[in-house]
């Protein structure tokens, strides 16, 4: 999980430098590490909650253009909200989920007749 955080911070630095290719590359590394951390449970006993890891995986998925995966991760956050100790992650996931659902329901202006 430490590697995921480092990759995410490197991606932020590339975002500041406006280097989209490298930003996306490090976002993908971070996502892979967050997914591994979630699946192995190595975040247990740390200050990072399950809801936070799922939110981060959803947000990274959204940023790299994988909206279906983002919606899935945000949905996982909702499913675990009664066990979550981090209300802010749950609220952010709800907000992003609603954003994504609205963009999927609204036809793209160039595709309208």
Protein backbone atom coordinates (compact mmCIF):
# COMPACT_ATOMS: atom_id res chain seq x y z
CA UNK A 1 0.00 0.00 0.00
CA UNK A 2 2.93 2.32 0.58
CA UNK A 3 3.93 1.92 -3.07
CA UNK A 4 0.39 2.87 -4.15
CA UNK A 5 0.63 6.15 -2.24
CA UNK A 6 4.03 6.91 -3.71
CA UNK A 7 2.79 6.23 -7.26
CA UNK A 8 -0.24 8.42 -6.65
CA UNK A 9 1.94 11.30 -5.46
CA UNK A 10 4.21 10.92 -8.49
CA UNK A 11 1.10 11.07 -10.71
CA UNK A 12 0.11 14.33 -8.98
CA UNK A 13 3.53 15.77 -9.75
CA UNK A 14 3.16 14.84 -13.41
CA UNK A 15 -0.32 16.42 -13.40
CA UNK A 16 1.22 19.66 -12.13
CA UNK A 17 3.83 19.45 -14.91
CA UNK A 18 0.95 18.78 -17.37
CA UNK A 19 2.51 15.51 -18.53
CA UNK A 20 -0.66 13.46 -19.10
CA UNK A 21 1.14 10.37 -20.39
CA UNK A 22 3.30 9.96 -17.29
CA UNK A 23 0.45 10.99 -14.98
CA UNK A 24 -1.73 8.21 -16.40
CA UNK A 25 1.15 5.74 -16.24
CA UNK A 26 1.62 6.33 -12.51
CA UNK A 27 -2.12 6.39 -11.86
CA UNK A 28 -2.28 2.90 -13.38
CA UNK A 29 0.60 1.76 -11.15
CA UNK A 30 -1.18 3.21 -8.10
CA UNK A 31 -4.46 1.52 -9.07
CA UNK A 32 -2.75 -1.84 -9.44
CA UNK A 33 -1.20 -1.47 -5.98
CA UNK A 34 -4.45 -0.33 -4.34
CA UNK A 35 -6.24 -3.30 -5.91
CA UNK A 36 -3.54 -5.64 -4.60
CA UNK A 37 -3.72 -4.08 -1.14
CA UNK A 38 -7.50 -4.48 -1.08
CA UNK A 39 -7.44 -8.08 -2.29
CA UNK A 40 -4.73 -9.16 0.18
CA UNK A 41 -6.06 -7.05 3.06
CA UNK A 42 -2.63 -5.61 3.84
CA UNK A 43 -4.27 -2.29 4.74
CA UNK A 44 -5.75 -3.86 7.89
CA UNK A 45 -4.27 -2.35 11.00
CA UNK A 46 -3.32 0.87 9.21
CA UNK A 47 -5.01 4.25 9.31
CA UNK A 48 -6.38 3.69 5.79
CA UNK A 49 -9.89 2.29 5.78
CA UNK A 50 -11.39 -0.16 3.33
CA UNK A 51 -13.74 2.61 2.16
CA UNK A 52 -10.79 4.90 1.44
CA UNK A 53 -8.96 2.29 -0.64
CA UNK A 54 -12.11 1.55 -2.63
CA UNK A 55 -12.76 5.27 -3.13
CA UNK A 56 -9.19 5.82 -4.36
CA UNK A 57 -9.47 2.88 -6.75
CA UNK A 58 -12.71 4.34 -8.07
CA UNK A 59 -11.33 7.84 -8.44
CA UNK A 60 -8.19 6.61 -10.21
CA UNK A 61 -10.32 4.45 -12.52
CA UNK A 62 -12.44 7.51 -13.32
CA UNK A 63 -9.39 9.63 -14.06
CA UNK A 64 -7.92 7.08 -16.46
CA UNK A 65 -11.24 6.81 -18.28
CA UNK A 66 -12.53 3.49 -16.96
CA UNK A 67 -15.96 4.67 -15.85
CA UNK A 68 -17.43 1.18 -15.44
CA UNK A 69 -14.69 0.19 -13.00
CA UNK A 70 -15.09 3.52 -11.19
CA UNK A 71 -18.82 2.93 -10.73
CA UNK A 72 -18.12 -0.59 -9.50
CA UNK A 73 -15.58 0.63 -6.90
CA UNK A 74 -17.86 3.45 -5.74
CA UNK A 75 -20.68 0.91 -5.38
CA UNK A 76 -18.39 -1.23 -3.21
CA UNK A 77 -17.89 1.78 -0.94
CA UNK A 78 -21.67 2.05 -0.48
CA UNK A 79 -21.93 -1.63 0.31
CA UNK A 80 -19.38 -1.29 3.09
CA UNK A 81 -20.55 2.00 4.52
CA UNK A 82 -21.97 0.55 7.74
CA UNK A 83 -18.50 -0.80 8.56
CA UNK A 84 -16.67 2.31 7.38
CA UNK A 85 -15.06 4.69 9.78
CA UNK A 86 -14.47 7.34 7.17
CA UNK A 87 -17.64 9.24 6.27
CA UNK A 88 -15.79 11.60 3.92
CA UNK A 89 -14.73 8.73 1.60
CA UNK A 90 -18.32 7.50 1.49
CA UNK A 91 -19.66 10.96 0.63
CA UNK A 92 -16.99 11.52 -2.05
CA UNK A 93 -17.81 8.13 -3.57
CA UNK A 94 -21.51 9.02 -3.64
CA UNK A 95 -20.76 12.35 -5.33
CA UNK A 96 -18.52 10.77 -7.98
CA UNK A 97 -20.99 7.93 -8.55
CA UNK A 98 -23.78 10.43 -9.20
CA UNK A 99 -21.52 12.43 -11.54
CA UNK A 100 -20.68 9.34 -13.56
CA UNK A 101 -24.30 8.20 -13.73
CA UNK A 102 -25.36 11.66 -14.99
CA UNK A 103 -22.68 11.68 -17.71
CA UNK A 104 -23.73 8.21 -18.84
CA UNK A 105 -27.40 9.20 -18.98
CA UNK A 106 -26.77 12.46 -20.87
CA UNK A 107 -26.18 11.89 -24.58
CA UNK A 108 -23.01 13.42 -25.93
CA UNK A 109 -23.88 16.73 -27.70
CA UNK A 110 -22.07 15.68 -30.87
CA UNK A 111 -24.14 12.51 -31.10
CA UNK A 112 -27.50 14.26 -30.89
CA UNK A 113 -29.43 14.96 -34.06
